[in-house]
Amino acid sequence: MTNRKTRLLSLLLASVMTLALLSGCSKDTGSSSGNSGKGKDSLVVATMSETPSMGPYDHNAVAGDYMNQLVYSSLFETDADLNPVPELVDTYENTSDTEWLFHLKQGVKFHDGSDLTSEDVVASITYAKTCPEINLYNGSILSVEAVDDYTVKMTTDGPSATLLYDLCHHGNSIVPKELLDSGNDFNENPIGSGPYKFVSWKRGDSIQFEAFEDFYEGAPSIKNMTWKIIPEGSSRTIALEAGEVDMIIEVEAMDVERIESNSDLTLLKHESTAINWLMLNNEKPGLDNQNVRHAINSAINRDDLVTVAMNGMAAPAYSSTPLGMLGSTDEGADTYDVKKAQEYMDASGVDPKSVKMSIICSNDTKKRAAEVIQSNLTEIGINCEIESMDLATYLSTTAEGNYTASIGGYSSSDMVSYLVGVYHSKSIGASNKTRLNNPEIDTLIDEAAATVDPEAREVILKEVTVQLNELCPQVSLYQDMYLRAYNANLEGVDINAGGSIRFQDISWKA
């Protein structure tokens, strides 16, 4: 088996190297002369996936989050260290365990020229609470009311450790009350108070934006922005080298060295709390067996996977929660051990040939990861297929539970928010892709959400993590690194640990 595994891994590595060489031969990696960009006021951004919606309330997709941050503003945003800081809020007070007062910045305008007031906040949050895709991020809010034109009172259902983090989420963006009342389709006509106004959307190709001159922080230097949808990673790199785009949001890991060797380009790396898993549908025969899930977990060689799929640009992950976040631990988590994997399989009483797995994935990186997993699982007698699909199909398929296994990920600024999104039963049909429905886990997560004291909350969060590691509802694979690349003549480009970029801070060098 060992020799067979070695040959399979060698073939996978060889194929990756071949693709890298082919893409490397497509374009001279030296100077991209004539594309300095100096003095420009426009920007073309290449992205892997198209947003499922331009509206803030009907999706929970990272691709849509980028768009939403351009068009909309929220009461809070996350800083470089993922701490919530005021955005539309000037000052705030936590007046009791369950009451908060938020004093809004004055003079903020929407793209339609109207003034942003408390009534807009009340209407937006109230509406957001009715939207199933994102209402887990405002579920603790019992009521929201306008005290005066620029003061909002929120009442929560108890002490809330996550309220300010939740108010950072794009699903709590503030839009004009008048447009909400009139039934405006924000997917077709997105109106917010963000730094950029929506211009047009050519489905499958590109989205156009223009600077909002009355933006409350001041008009952005970049006046026109185009987001180009380029699914294939090496194609994004070639477009950047050729000057066809100025920035890549998702850099193909296999192109890192190529980009770093080009003096006309800058590569930005940032460690993240984003974690990627092999999501196992716990409702499917075979995968509903805890020992089978542990067998799969123990059979996967993360080191090989990170090498093949991520070109080493990630850290192997074993815990059910992202390391580096409050309460995360490897305690109780499986490690790579084929002998142990076989013992789990034997203990399950399940014939491995009866485990019908098809791994779905939405991009080349995840497909490469799936190929490593496919090879690993043959060691314990499980055969699986791999199916690639576009992001929209992938999201609908996993949300509906019409899959056995998939490779996906999740990023959050807060551990409680992560647990609510990924493992709480109320998130089934949204971001709980394993469809885990465990009352004890739910209770612990709810308890952590209501525990304001960080030290006490950490104890609960560690207990949740240990129990999840033992339940093994899915298989953690790696924590990746945010990779961004851009024309070296751009300045002001920075990202936080959540992957956010403040595009209003970007400009071309004079």
Protein backbone atom coordinates (compact mmCIF):
# COMPACT_ATOMS: atom_id res chain seq x y z
CA MET A 1 0.00 0.00 0.00
CA THR A 2 2.83 2.36 0.86
CA ASN A 3 4.42 2.09 -2.59
CA ARG A 4 1.02 2.59 -4.25
CA LYS A 5 0.34 5.66 -2.14
CA THR A 6 3.78 7.05 -2.97
CA ARG A 7 3.17 6.59 -6.69
CA LEU A 8 -0.24 8.29 -6.47
CA LEU A 9 1.17 11.26 -4.60
CA SER A 10 4.02 11.50 -7.10
CA LEU A 11 1.54 11.59 -9.97
CA LEU A 12 -0.48 14.33 -8.25
CA LEU A 13 2.65 16.38 -7.62
CA ALA A 14 3.81 15.84 -11.18
CA SER A 15 0.49 17.05 -12.56
CA VAL A 16 0.61 20.15 -10.37
CA MET A 17 4.17 20.91 -11.47
CA THR A 18 3.19 20.43 -15.11
CA LEU A 19 0.33 22.91 -14.78
CA ALA A 20 2.61 25.38 -13.07
CA LEU A 21 5.23 25.03 -15.83
CA LEU A 22 2.64 25.39 -18.56
CA SER A 23 1.22 28.56 -17.04
CA GLY A 24 4.78 29.79 -16.50
CA CYS A 25 5.51 29.41 -20.21
CA SER A 26 2.44 31.37 -21.22
CA LYS A 27 3.85 34.76 -20.43
CA ASP A 28 7.19 36.38 -19.77
CA THR A 29 7.39 36.96 -16.01
CA GLY A 30 9.72 39.88 -16.34
CA SER A 31 8.61 43.44 -16.80
CA SER A 32 5.02 44.20 -17.65
CA SER A 33 6.11 47.37 -19.42
CA GLY A 34 3.53 49.88 -20.41
CA ASN A 35 1.28 48.99 -17.52
CA SER A 36 2.77 51.08 -14.76
CA GLY A 37 -0.59 52.54 -13.86
CA LYS A 38 0.93 55.75 -12.52
CA GLY A 39 -1.49 58.63 -12.61
CA LYS A 40 -4.52 56.42 -13.22
CA ASP A 41 -7.73 56.73 -11.25
CA SER A 42 -9.25 53.37 -12.27
CA LEU A 43 -8.75 49.86 -10.96
CA VAL A 44 -9.47 46.40 -12.40
CA VAL A 45 -9.71 43.59 -9.85
CA ALA A 46 -9.68 39.90 -10.78
CA THR A 47 -11.69 37.55 -8.62
CA MET A 48 -12.31 33.82 -8.76
CA SER A 49 -16.02 33.70 -8.04
CA GLU A 50 -19.02 35.80 -8.94
CA THR A 51 -21.11 37.14 -6.10
CA PRO A 52 -24.44 35.31 -5.75
CA SER A 53 -26.12 38.64 -5.08
CA MET A 54 -25.45 42.36 -4.87
CA GLY A 55 -27.92 42.64 -1.99
CA PRO A 56 -26.59 42.31 1.57
CA TYR A 57 -29.40 40.21 3.05
CA ASP A 58 -29.80 37.13 0.86
CA HIS A 59 -26.41 35.44 0.92
CA ASN A 60 -23.56 34.46 3.22
CA ALA A 61 -20.84 34.11 0.60
CA VAL A 62 -17.31 35.52 0.80
CA ALA A 63 -17.48 36.56 -2.87
CA GLY A 64 -20.55 38.65 -2.09
CA ASP A 65 -18.96 40.13 1.02
CA TYR A 66 -16.31 41.88 -1.11
CA MET A 67 -19.02 43.55 -3.20
CA ASN A 68 -21.09 44.47 -0.18
CA GLN A 69 -18.17 46.20 1.51
CA LEU A 70 -17.84 48.49 -1.50
CA VAL A 71 -21.51 49.49 -1.67
CA TYR A 72 -22.75 49.33 1.92
CA SER A 73 -21.72 50.46 5.38
CA SER A 74 -22.53 48.82 8.71
CA LEU A 75 -22.64 50.08 12.26
CA PHE A 76 -19.27 48.42 12.95
CA GLU A 77 -16.35 46.98 11.00
CA THR A 78 -13.37 44.82 12.01
CA ASP A 79 -9.89 46.27 12.42
CA ALA A 80 -6.57 44.63 11.52
CA ASP A 81 -6.82 42.31 14.53
CA LEU A 82 -10.50 41.47 13.88
CA ASN A 83 -11.74 43.60 16.76
CA PRO A 84 -15.05 45.42 16.14
CA VAL A 85 -14.63 49.18 15.73
CA PRO A 86 -17.28 51.81 14.92
CA GLU A 87 -18.07 52.47 11.26
CA LEU A 88 -21.41 54.34 11.10
CA VAL A 89 -21.44 54.64 14.89
CA ASP A 90 -19.82 57.65 16.55
CA THR A 91 -20.06 56.51 20.18
CA TYR A 92 -21.93 53.74 22.00
CA GLU A 93 -22.87 52.63 25.50
CA ASN A 94 -23.75 49.26 26.98
CA THR A 95 -26.27 50.62 29.48
CA SER A 96 -27.25 47.23 30.98
CA ASP A 97 -26.83 43.51 30.38
CA THR A 98 -29.38 43.67 27.60
CA GLU A 99 -29.52 47.31 26.42
CA TRP A 100 -27.20 49.20 24.08
CA LEU A 101 -27.28 52.80 22.88
CA PHE A 102 -25.61 53.67 19.56
CA HIS A 103 -25.04 57.30 18.60
CA LEU A 104 -24.69 57.58 14.83
CA LYS A 105 -22.31 59.73 12.83
CA GLN A 106 -24.14 62.69 11.35
CA GLY A 107 -23.89 63.87 7.78
CA VAL A 108 -23.67 60.35 6.28
CA LYS A 109 -25.43 60.14 2.93
CA PHE A 110 -26.76 57.27 0.87
CA HIS A 111 -25.99 56.97 -2.82
CA ASP A 112 -29.44 58.37 -3.67
CA GLY A 113 -28.59 61.59 -1.80
CA SER A 114 -30.76 60.95 1.26
CA ASP A 115 -29.42 61.31 4.81
CA LEU A 116 -28.76 58.21 6.93
CA THR A 117 -30.69 58.37 10.21
CA SER A 118 -31.83 56.12 13.03
CA GLU A 119 -34.96 55.14 11.11
CA ASP A 120 -32.81 53.59 8.40
CA VAL A 121 -30.91 51.55 11.00
CA VAL A 122 -34.14 50.32 12.60
CA ALA A 123 -35.65 49.35 9.24
CA SER A 124 -32.46 47.60 8.05
CA ILE A 125 -31.82 45.52 11.17
CA THR A 126 -35.50 44.66 11.54
CA TYR A 127 -35.62 43.46 7.94
CA ALA A 128 -32.32 41.57 8.19
CA LYS A 129 -33.73 39.55 11.09
CA THR A 130 -36.32 38.08 8.70
CA CYS A 131 -33.73 36.82 6.19
CA PRO A 132 -32.80 33.16 6.73
CA GLU A 133 -29.37 33.33 5.10
CA ILE A 134 -27.97 35.82 7.61
CA ASN A 135 -30.31 36.05 10.61
CA LEU A 136 -27.95 34.01 12.77
CA TYR A 137 -25.88 37.22 12.91
CA ASN A 138 -28.66 39.21 14.56
CA GLY A 139 -30.58 36.50 16.36
CA SER A 140 -29.70 37.91 19.78
CA ILE A 141 -31.39 41.25 18.99
CA LEU A 142 -34.90 41.33 20.46
CA SER A 143 -35.74 44.85 19.39
CA VAL A 144 -34.24 47.92 17.78
CA GLU A 145 -35.78 51.40 18.05
CA ALA A 146 -34.98 55.00 17.23
CA VAL A 147 -34.50 57.20 20.31
CA ASP A 148 -33.98 60.27 18.15
CA ASP A 149 -32.71 60.99 14.63
CA TYR A 150 -29.19 59.80 15.44
CA THR A 151 -29.56 57.49 18.45
CA VAL A 152 -30.55 53.81 18.26
CA LYS A 153 -31.42 51.53 21.17
CA MET A 154 -30.98 47.77 20.84
CA THR A 155 -32.27 45.22 23.30
CA THR A 156 -30.81 41.72 23.29
CA ASP A 157 -32.30 38.49 24.61
CA GLY A 158 -29.65 38.36 27.32
CA PRO A 159 -26.00 39.29 27.80
CA SER A 160 -24.36 39.13 24.38
CA ALA A 161 -20.66 38.53 23.81
CA THR A 162 -21.04 38.75 20.05
CA LEU A 163 -23.34 41.70 19.33
CA LEU A 164 -20.63 44.09 18.11
CA TYR A 165 -19.04 41.35 15.98
CA ASP A 166 -22.45 40.54 14.50
CA LEU A 167 -23.00 44.18 13.61
CA CYS A 168 -19.83 44.02 11.49
CA HIS A 169 -21.38 41.39 9.23
CA HIS A 170 -22.52 42.47 5.76
CA GLY A 171 -25.95 41.00 6.55
CA ASN A 172 -26.51 43.91 8.93
CA SER A 173 -25.68 46.58 6.37
CA ILE A 174 -27.72 49.77 6.56
CA VAL A 175 -29.89 50.74 3.58
CA PRO A 176 -32.51 53.48 3.09
CA LYS A 177 -35.80 52.80 4.90
CA GLU A 178 -37.77 54.40 2.09
CA LEU A 179 -36.36 51.91 -0.43
CA LEU A 180 -36.99 48.95 1.85
CA ASP A 181 -40.57 50.11 2.33
CA SER A 182 -41.08 50.50 -1.42
CA GLY A 183 -39.86 46.97 -2.13
CA ASN A 184 -36.62 47.97 -3.85
CA ASP A 185 -34.64 44.99 -5.20
CA PHE A 186 -31.19 45.60 -3.74
CA ASN A 187 -29.79 42.80 -5.88
CA GLU A 188 -30.69 44.80 -8.99
CA ASN A 189 -30.45 48.31 -7.54
CA PRO A 190 -28.02 48.26 -4.60
CA ILE A 191 -28.10 51.56 -2.71
CA GLY A 192 -25.96 52.00 0.38
CA SER A 193 -23.62 54.54 1.96
CA GLY A 194 -20.35 52.76 1.11
CA PRO A 195 -17.37 54.23 -0.77
CA TYR A 196 -18.55 52.98 -4.19
CA LYS A 197 -21.77 53.17 -6.18
CA PHE A 198 -22.98 50.27 -8.28
CA VAL A 199 -22.98 50.93 -12.04
CA SER A 200 -23.65 47.68 -13.89
CA TRP A 201 -23.36 43.90 -13.71
CA LYS A 202 -22.59 41.74 -16.73
CA ARG A 203 -23.41 38.29 -15.36
CA GLY A 204 -20.52 35.87 -15.57
CA ASP A 205 -18.09 38.56 -16.71
CA SER A 206 -17.74 41.72 -14.65
CA ILE A 207 -19.25 44.26 -12.24
CA GLN A 208 -18.69 48.02 -12.55
CA PHE A 209 -18.52 50.57 -9.70
CA GLU A 210 -17.80 54.28 -9.44
CA ALA A 211 -16.57 56.34 -6.51
CA PHE A 212 -19.20 57.89 -4.28
CA GLU A 213 -18.14 61.51 -4.14
CA ASP A 214 -20.20 62.21 -0.99
CA PHE A 215 -18.74 59.28 0.96
CA TYR A 216 -18.57 60.35 4.60
CA GLU A 217 -14.83 59.57 4.89
CA GLY A 218 -14.07 61.53 1.72
CA ALA A 219 -14.23 60.55 -1.94
CA PRO A 220 -11.98 57.56 -2.83
CA SER A 221 -8.96 58.18 -5.07
CA ILE A 222 -9.94 55.30 -7.33
CA LYS A 223 -12.85 56.73 -9.33
CA ASN A 224 -13.81 53.71 -11.45
CA MET A 225 -13.51 50.09 -10.45
CA THR A 226 -14.17 46.91 -12.42
CA TRP A 227 -14.31 43.43 -10.92
CA LYS A 228 -13.52 40.76 -13.51
CA ILE A 229 -14.66 37.18 -12.95
CA ILE A 230 -11.74 34.90 -13.88
CA PRO A 231 -12.30 31.43 -12.38
CA GLU A 232 -8.99 29.84 -13.40
CA GLY A 233 -6.03 30.77 -11.18
CA SER A 234 -3.21 30.89 -13.73
CA SER A 235 -5.40 32.98 -16.02
CA ARG A 236 -5.71 35.58 -13.25
CA THR A 237 -1.92 35.65 -12.91
CA ILE A 238 -1.39 36.02 -16.66
CA ALA A 239 -3.93 38.88 -16.74
CA LEU A 240 -2.06 40.66 -13.93
CA GLU A 241 1.29 40.26 -15.67
CA ALA A 242 -0.17 41.59 -18.91
CA GLY A 243 -1.68 44.63 -17.21
CA GLU A 244 -5.21 43.52 -18.06
CA VAL A 245 -6.03 43.58 -14.34
CA ASP A 246 -4.39 45.51 -11.51
CA MET A 247 -5.11 43.22 -8.58
CA ILE A 248 -5.92 39.59 -7.83
CA ILE A 249 -8.07 38.81 -4.82
CA GLU A 250 -7.45 35.04 -4.79
CA VAL A 251 -3.88 34.26 -5.86
CA GLU A 252 -3.31 30.71 -7.10
CA ALA A 253 -0.89 29.14 -4.61
CA MET A 254 1.08 27.57 -7.46
CA ASP A 255 1.81 31.05 -8.85
CA VAL A 256 3.30 32.57 -5.69
CA GLU A 257 6.95 32.21 -6.70
CA ARG A 258 6.16 33.46 -10.20
CA ILE A 259 4.55 36.63 -8.84
CA GLU A 260 7.27 37.20 -6.25
CA SER A 261 9.93 37.07 -8.99
CA ASN A 262 8.26 39.89 -10.93
CA SER A 263 9.45 43.31 -9.72
CA ASP A 264 6.41 44.99 -11.28
CA LEU A 265 4.08 43.09 -8.93
CA THR A 266 3.62 42.92 -5.19
CA LEU A 267 2.46 39.83 -3.30
CA LEU A 268 0.70 40.31 0.01
CA LYS A 269 0.56 37.39 2.45
CA HIS A 270 -1.46 37.37 5.65
CA GLU A 271 -2.16 34.58 8.10
CA SER A 272 -5.86 33.99 8.56
CA THR A 273 -8.38 32.30 10.78
CA ALA A 274 -10.02 30.85 7.68
CA ILE A 275 -10.25 27.07 7.91
CA ASN A 276 -11.04 24.59 5.14
CA TRP A 277 -12.62 21.20 5.72
CA LEU A 278 -13.85 18.06 4.09
CA MET A 279 -17.48 18.57 4.99
CA LEU A 280 -19.30 15.29 5.61
CA ASN A 281 -23.07 15.17 5.40
CA ASN A 282 -23.89 13.53 8.74
CA GLU A 283 -27.34 12.55 7.45
CA LYS A 284 -25.99 10.20 4.75
CA PRO A 285 -25.61 6.42 5.32
CA GLY A 286 -22.12 5.54 6.45
CA LEU A 287 -21.23 9.16 7.21
CA ASP A 288 -23.83 9.12 9.99
CA ASN A 289 -21.46 6.71 11.80
CA GLN A 290 -19.00 8.51 14.10
CA ASN A 291 -16.32 5.84 13.69
CA VAL A 292 -16.49 6.10 9.90
CA ARG A 293 -15.95 9.86 10.16
CA HIS A 294 -12.97 9.29 12.47
CA ALA A 295 -11.59 6.73 10.01
CA ILE A 296 -11.76 9.27 7.18
CA ASN A 297 -10.21 11.92 9.42
CA SER A 298 -7.28 9.69 10.41
CA ALA A 299 -6.65 8.51 6.84
CA ILE A 300 -5.95 11.95 5.36
CA ASN A 301 -2.34 13.12 5.13
CA ARG A 302 -2.56 16.89 5.66
CA ASP A 303 1.11 17.48 4.90
CA ASP A 304 0.73 15.95 1.44
CA LEU A 305 -2.52 17.83 0.93
CA VAL A 306 -0.99 21.22 1.82
CA THR A 307 1.93 20.53 -0.52
CA VAL A 308 -0.21 19.48 -3.47
CA ALA A 309 -3.21 21.78 -3.08
CA MET A 310 -1.66 24.87 -1.53
CA ASN A 311 1.99 24.79 -2.59
CA GLY A 312 2.86 24.88 1.11
CA MET A 313 0.93 28.15 1.60
CA ALA A 314 -1.20 26.84 4.47
CA ALA A 315 -0.95 25.11 7.83
CA PRO A 316 -2.35 21.58 8.38
CA ALA A 317 -5.47 21.69 10.56
CA TYR A 318 -6.76 19.01 12.91
CA SER A 319 -9.03 20.81 15.37
CA SER A 320 -12.70 21.42 14.58
CA THR A 321 -12.14 25.11 15.31
CA PRO A 322 -9.48 27.49 13.91
CA LEU A 323 -6.29 27.60 15.94
CA GLY A 324 -5.49 31.11 17.11
CA MET A 325 -9.08 31.82 18.14
CA LEU A 326 -10.34 31.88 21.70
CA GLY A 327 -10.85 28.36 23.09
CA SER A 328 -9.46 26.38 20.17
CA THR A 329 -7.45 23.24 20.94
CA ASP A 330 -6.23 20.04 19.27
CA GLU A 331 -7.32 18.02 22.30
CA GLY A 332 -9.32 15.00 21.17
CA ALA A 333 -8.55 15.59 17.49
CA ASP A 334 -7.34 12.81 15.18
CA THR A 335 -3.92 12.88 13.56
CA TYR A 336 -2.74 11.14 10.40
CA ASP A 337 -2.54 7.44 11.25
CA VAL A 338 -3.61 4.89 8.61
CA LYS A 339 -3.46 2.00 11.12
CA LYS A 340 -5.75 3.90 13.49
CA ALA A 341 -8.02 4.77 10.58
CA GLN A 342 -8.40 1.09 9.79
CA GLU A 343 -9.19 0.35 13.43
CA TYR A 344 -11.93 3.00 13.37
CA MET A 345 -13.30 1.50 10.16
CA ASP A 346 -13.36 -1.99 11.66
CA ALA A 347 -15.05 -0.70 14.84
CA SER A 348 -17.77 1.01 12.79
CA GLY A 349 -19.16 -2.28 11.47
CA VAL A 350 -19.63 -0.54 8.11
CA ASP A 351 -18.34 -2.08 4.89
CA PRO A 352 -16.10 0.64 3.41
CA LYS A 353 -17.27 -0.29 -0.09
CA SER A 354 -20.80 0.70 0.98
CA VAL A 355 -19.73 4.28 1.81
CA LYS A 356 -20.82 6.21 -1.26
CA MET A 357 -18.81 9.43 -1.39
CA SER A 358 -18.68 12.07 -4.04
CA ILE A 359 -16.55 15.08 -3.12
CA ILE A 360 -17.88 18.29 -4.64
CA CYS A 361 -15.67 21.34 -4.99
CA SER A 362 -15.85 24.77 -6.60
CA ASN A 363 -12.29 25.65 -7.71
CA ASP A 364 -8.96 24.15 -8.79
CA THR A 365 -7.33 24.40 -5.36
CA LYS A 366 -10.10 22.42 -3.71
CA LYS A 367 -10.09 19.92 -6.58
CA ARG A 368 -6.39 19.24 -5.98
CA ALA A 369 -7.17 18.74 -2.27
CA ALA A 370 -9.95 16.34 -3.21
CA GLU A 371 -7.55 14.30 -5.35
CA VAL A 372 -5.20 13.82 -2.39
CA ILE A 373 -8.15 12.79 -0.20
CA GLN A 374 -9.38 10.42 -2.88
CA SER A 375 -5.96 8.73 -2.94
CA ASN A 376 -5.74 8.57 0.87
CA LEU A 377 -9.16 6.98 1.33
CA THR A 378 -8.36 4.07 -0.95
CA GLU A 379 -5.98 2.96 1.83
CA ILE A 380 -9.00 2.12 4.01
CA GLY A 381 -11.16 0.77 1.23
CA ILE A 382 -13.33 3.85 0.59
CA ASN A 383 -13.68 4.87 -3.03
CA CYS A 384 -14.94 8.34 -3.84
CA GLU A 385 -15.62 10.42 -6.89
CA ILE A 386 -14.82 14.11 -7.45
CA GLU A 387 -17.23 16.58 -8.99
CA SER A 388 -16.37 20.20 -9.83
CA MET A 389 -19.10 22.81 -10.10
CA ASP A 390 -19.53 26.57 -10.20
CA LEU A 391 -19.88 28.45 -6.92
CA ALA A 392 -23.62 29.16 -7.19
CA THR A 393 -24.40 25.48 -7.80
CA TYR A 394 -22.03 24.45 -5.02
CA LEU A 395 -23.68 26.78 -2.50
CA SER A 396 -27.22 25.67 -3.33
CA THR A 397 -26.23 21.99 -3.34
CA THR A 398 -24.58 22.11 0.09
CA ALA A 399 -27.31 24.29 1.59
CA GLU A 400 -29.97 21.80 0.51
CA GLY A 401 -27.97 18.83 1.78
CA ASN A 402 -27.86 17.16 -1.66
CA TYR A 403 -24.29 15.89 -1.29
CA THR A 404 -22.20 13.38 0.63
CA ALA A 405 -18.94 15.31 0.97
CA SER A 406 -17.60 18.67 -0.12
CA ILE A 407 -14.55 20.83 0.36
CA GLY A 408 -15.34 24.25 1.71
CA GLY A 409 -14.29 26.74 4.31
CA TYR A 410 -15.40 29.44 6.69
CA SER A 411 -13.89 32.59 8.08
CA SER A 412 -15.09 34.51 11.10
CA SER A 413 -13.81 37.31 13.29
CA ASP A 414 -15.08 35.68 16.46
CA MET A 415 -15.08 32.13 17.81
CA VAL A 416 -18.71 32.19 18.96
CA SER A 417 -19.85 33.48 15.58
CA TYR A 418 -17.80 30.71 13.94
CA LEU A 419 -19.42 28.01 16.09
CA VAL A 420 -22.92 29.39 15.54
CA GLY A 421 -22.38 29.50 11.80
CA VAL A 422 -20.70 26.12 11.36
CA TYR A 423 -22.07 23.80 14.03
CA HIS A 424 -25.31 25.18 15.54
CA SER A 425 -28.47 23.40 14.40
CA LYS A 426 -30.14 26.72 13.59
CA SER A 427 -27.59 27.18 10.80
CA ILE A 428 -28.62 23.97 8.98
CA GLY A 429 -29.53 25.03 5.46
CA ALA A 430 -27.11 27.93 5.69
CA SER A 431 -23.48 27.57 6.81
CA ASN A 432 -23.88 24.35 8.87
CA LYS A 433 -23.05 22.16 5.87
CA THR A 434 -22.55 18.96 7.90
CA ARG A 435 -26.15 19.30 9.09
CA LEU A 436 -24.99 18.53 12.63
CA ASN A 437 -27.94 18.60 15.00
CA ASN A 438 -26.64 18.07 18.53
CA PRO A 439 -28.60 19.65 21.42
CA GLU A 440 -25.63 19.52 23.79
CA ILE A 441 -23.41 21.36 21.33
CA ASP A 442 -26.18 23.92 20.73
CA THR A 443 -26.52 24.51 24.48
CA LEU A 444 -22.80 25.05 24.97
CA ILE A 445 -22.61 27.48 22.04
CA ASP A 446 -25.60 29.43 23.37
CA GLU A 447 -23.96 29.54 26.80
CA ALA A 448 -20.73 30.89 25.33
CA ALA A 449 -22.65 33.55 23.40
CA ALA A 450 -24.24 34.75 26.65
CA THR A 451 -20.96 34.78 28.61
CA VAL A 452 -19.46 38.25 28.42
CA ASP A 453 -16.38 37.54 30.58
CA PRO A 454 -13.60 36.41 28.17
CA GLU A 455 -11.92 33.99 30.57
CA ALA A 456 -15.18 32.23 31.45
CA ARG A 457 -16.16 32.19 27.76
CA GLU A 458 -12.82 30.62 26.84
CA VAL A 459 -13.47 27.68 29.19
CA ILE A 460 -16.82 26.99 27.51
CA LEU A 461 -15.39 27.39 24.02
CA LYS A 462 -12.62 24.89 24.76
CA GLU A 463 -15.22 22.40 26.02
CA VAL A 464 -17.21 22.84 22.79
CA THR A 465 -14.07 22.32 20.70
CA VAL A 466 -13.09 19.13 22.54
CA GLN A 467 -16.58 17.69 22.13
CA LEU A 468 -16.60 18.58 18.42
CA ASN A 469 -13.18 16.95 17.97
CA GLU A 470 -14.60 13.79 19.52
CA LEU A 471 -17.84 13.92 17.48
CA CYS A 472 -15.84 14.55 14.30
CA PRO A 473 -18.77 15.93 12.24
CA GLN A 474 -16.30 16.97 9.52
CA VAL A 475 -12.61 16.78 8.74
CA SER A 476 -10.49 19.91 9.16
CA LEU A 477 -7.84 20.10 6.43
CA TYR A 478 -5.88 23.34 6.53
CA GLN A 479 -5.86 26.95 7.60
CA ASP A 480 -4.90 28.91 4.56
CA MET A 481 -3.10 32.17 4.06
CA TYR A 482 -4.65 35.16 2.37
CA LEU A 483 -2.74 35.80 -0.83
CA ARG A 484 -3.28 39.04 -2.75
CA ALA A 485 -1.26 40.33 -5.68
CA TYR A 486 -1.28 43.75 -7.28
CA ASN A 487 0.53 46.22 -9.50
CA ALA A 488 3.52 47.56 -7.55
CA ASN A 489 2.46 51.14 -8.36
CA LEU A 490 -0.59 50.81 -6.13
CA GLU A 491 -0.35 52.01 -2.56
CA GLY A 492 -2.57 51.75 0.49
CA VAL A 493 -3.31 48.05 -0.10
CA ASP A 494 -3.70 46.15 3.14
CA ILE A 495 -5.80 43.30 4.51
CA ASN A 496 -6.87 42.21 7.95
CA ALA A 497 -6.96 38.69 9.38
CA GLY A 498 -10.47 38.31 7.95
CA GLY A 499 -9.31 39.07 4.40
CA SER A 500 -11.00 42.48 4.14
CA ILE A 501 -9.49 45.25 2.02
CA ARG A 502 -10.47 48.90 2.43
CA PHE A 503 -10.56 49.88 -1.24
CA GLN A 504 -11.28 53.48 -0.31
CA ASP A 505 -7.69 53.66 1.01
CA ILE A 506 -6.08 52.55 -2.27
CA SER A 507 -4.53 54.91 -4.80
CA TRP A 508 -2.01 54.92 -7.62
CA LYS A 509 1.40 56.37 -6.96
CA ALA A 510 1.87 59.80 -8.49
